[in-house]
């Protein structure tokens, strides 16, 4: 009787694995299609209108000095913050 039970359990497990493989295959096909679409968009040269819209939309371009200044301001220590955080940070390291 245990042989029949083992065979049934194995058959059920095979069906589950086959369903999993089918599902993963579908996801892989969908992901590949999305990747191809994104790559095609990246390879496409943007039109003059699209470039104009991106500049007007406030997109930060590499080399934009204003963005660098804002980033520097955000990382400056505020009055009252100790600039010796680097030294105290070494003492705070905990090894698990």
Protein backbone atom coordinates (compact mmCIF):
# COMPACT_ATOMS: atom_id res chain seq x y z
CA UNK A 1 0.00 0.00 0.00
CA UNK A 2 2.87 2.40 0.71
CA UNK A 3 4.16 1.99 -2.84
CA UNK A 4 0.84 3.27 -4.23
CA UNK A 5 0.90 6.20 -1.81
CA UNK A 6 4.50 7.03 -2.71
CA UNK A 7 3.68 6.92 -6.43
CA UNK A 8 0.66 9.19 -5.94
CA UNK A 9 2.73 11.64 -3.89
CA UNK A 10 5.43 11.65 -6.56
CA UNK A 11 2.89 12.18 -9.34
CA UNK A 12 1.35 15.08 -7.40
CA UNK A 13 4.79 16.58 -6.81
CA UNK A 14 5.64 16.27 -10.53
CA UNK A 15 2.39 18.05 -11.44
CA UNK A 16 3.21 20.86 -8.99
CA UNK A 17 6.70 21.20 -10.40
CA UNK A 18 5.41 21.23 -13.97
CA UNK A 19 2.93 23.99 -13.06
CA UNK A 20 5.74 25.96 -11.44
CA UNK A 21 7.93 25.57 -14.53
CA UNK A 22 5.06 26.70 -16.77
CA UNK A 23 4.45 29.76 -14.60
CA UNK A 24 8.14 30.68 -14.48
CA UNK A 25 8.43 30.21 -18.24
CA UNK A 26 5.51 32.60 -18.81
CA UNK A 27 7.11 35.17 -16.48
CA UNK A 28 10.43 34.81 -18.29
CA UNK A 29 8.79 35.34 -21.68
CA UNK A 30 6.94 38.42 -20.36
CA UNK A 31 10.13 39.83 -18.82
CA UNK A 32 12.08 39.23 -22.02
CA UNK A 33 9.41 41.06 -24.01
CA UNK A 34 9.50 44.03 -21.61
CA UNK A 35 13.29 44.12 -21.79
CA UNK A 36 13.21 44.13 -25.59
CA UNK A 37 10.70 46.98 -25.53
CA UNK A 38 12.84 49.01 -23.11
CA UNK A 39 15.99 48.34 -25.11
CA UNK A 40 14.22 49.46 -28.29
CA UNK A 41 13.21 52.70 -26.55
CA UNK A 42 16.77 53.26 -25.35
CA UNK A 43 18.19 52.67 -28.83
CA UNK A 44 15.72 55.10 -30.37
CA UNK A 45 17.05 58.63 -30.84
CA UNK A 46 14.75 61.10 -29.07
CA UNK A 47 13.06 63.71 -31.21
CA UNK A 48 13.79 67.41 -30.82
CA UNK A 49 10.36 67.84 -29.23
CA UNK A 50 11.08 65.14 -26.64
CA UNK A 51 14.44 66.70 -25.79
CA UNK A 52 12.80 70.10 -25.38
CA UNK A 53 10.10 68.64 -23.10
CA UNK A 54 12.67 66.87 -20.93
CA UNK A 55 14.61 70.11 -20.41
CA UNK A 56 11.46 72.06 -19.59
CA UNK A 57 10.26 69.30 -17.28
CA UNK A 58 13.15 69.86 -14.89
CA UNK A 59 15.08 66.72 -15.70
CA UNK A 60 18.52 66.96 -14.13
CA UNK A 61 21.18 66.46 -16.74
CA UNK A 62 24.70 65.24 -15.89
CA UNK A 63 26.94 68.22 -15.25
CA UNK A 64 24.08 70.39 -13.99
CA UNK A 65 25.79 72.66 -11.42
CA UNK A 66 22.58 73.52 -9.57
CA UNK A 67 21.93 69.87 -8.73
CA UNK A 68 25.45 69.47 -7.34
CA UNK A 69 25.05 72.53 -5.13
CA UNK A 70 21.76 71.26 -3.72
CA UNK A 71 23.28 67.85 -3.01
CA UNK A 72 26.25 69.46 -1.24
CA UNK A 73 23.91 71.57 0.90
CA UNK A 74 21.92 68.51 1.93
CA UNK A 75 25.02 66.70 3.22
CA UNK A 76 26.54 69.61 5.17
CA UNK A 77 26.38 69.26 8.94
CA UNK A 78 23.82 71.44 10.65
CA UNK A 79 24.92 73.75 13.48
CA UNK A 80 25.25 71.66 16.60
CA UNK A 81 26.14 68.50 14.70
CA UNK A 82 29.63 67.42 15.48
CA UNK A 83 31.91 67.08 12.53
CA UNK A 84 33.80 64.35 14.37
CA UNK A 85 31.05 61.84 13.56
CA UNK A 86 33.63 59.86 11.65
CA UNK A 87 35.62 59.28 14.83
CA UNK A 88 32.60 58.40 16.95
CA UNK A 89 31.24 56.21 14.15
CA UNK A 90 34.18 53.86 14.53
CA UNK A 91 33.28 53.24 18.16
CA UNK A 92 29.68 52.42 17.21
CA UNK A 93 30.54 49.41 15.04
CA UNK A 94 29.15 46.22 16.50
CA UNK A 95 30.38 42.86 15.26
CA UNK A 96 27.81 40.13 15.45
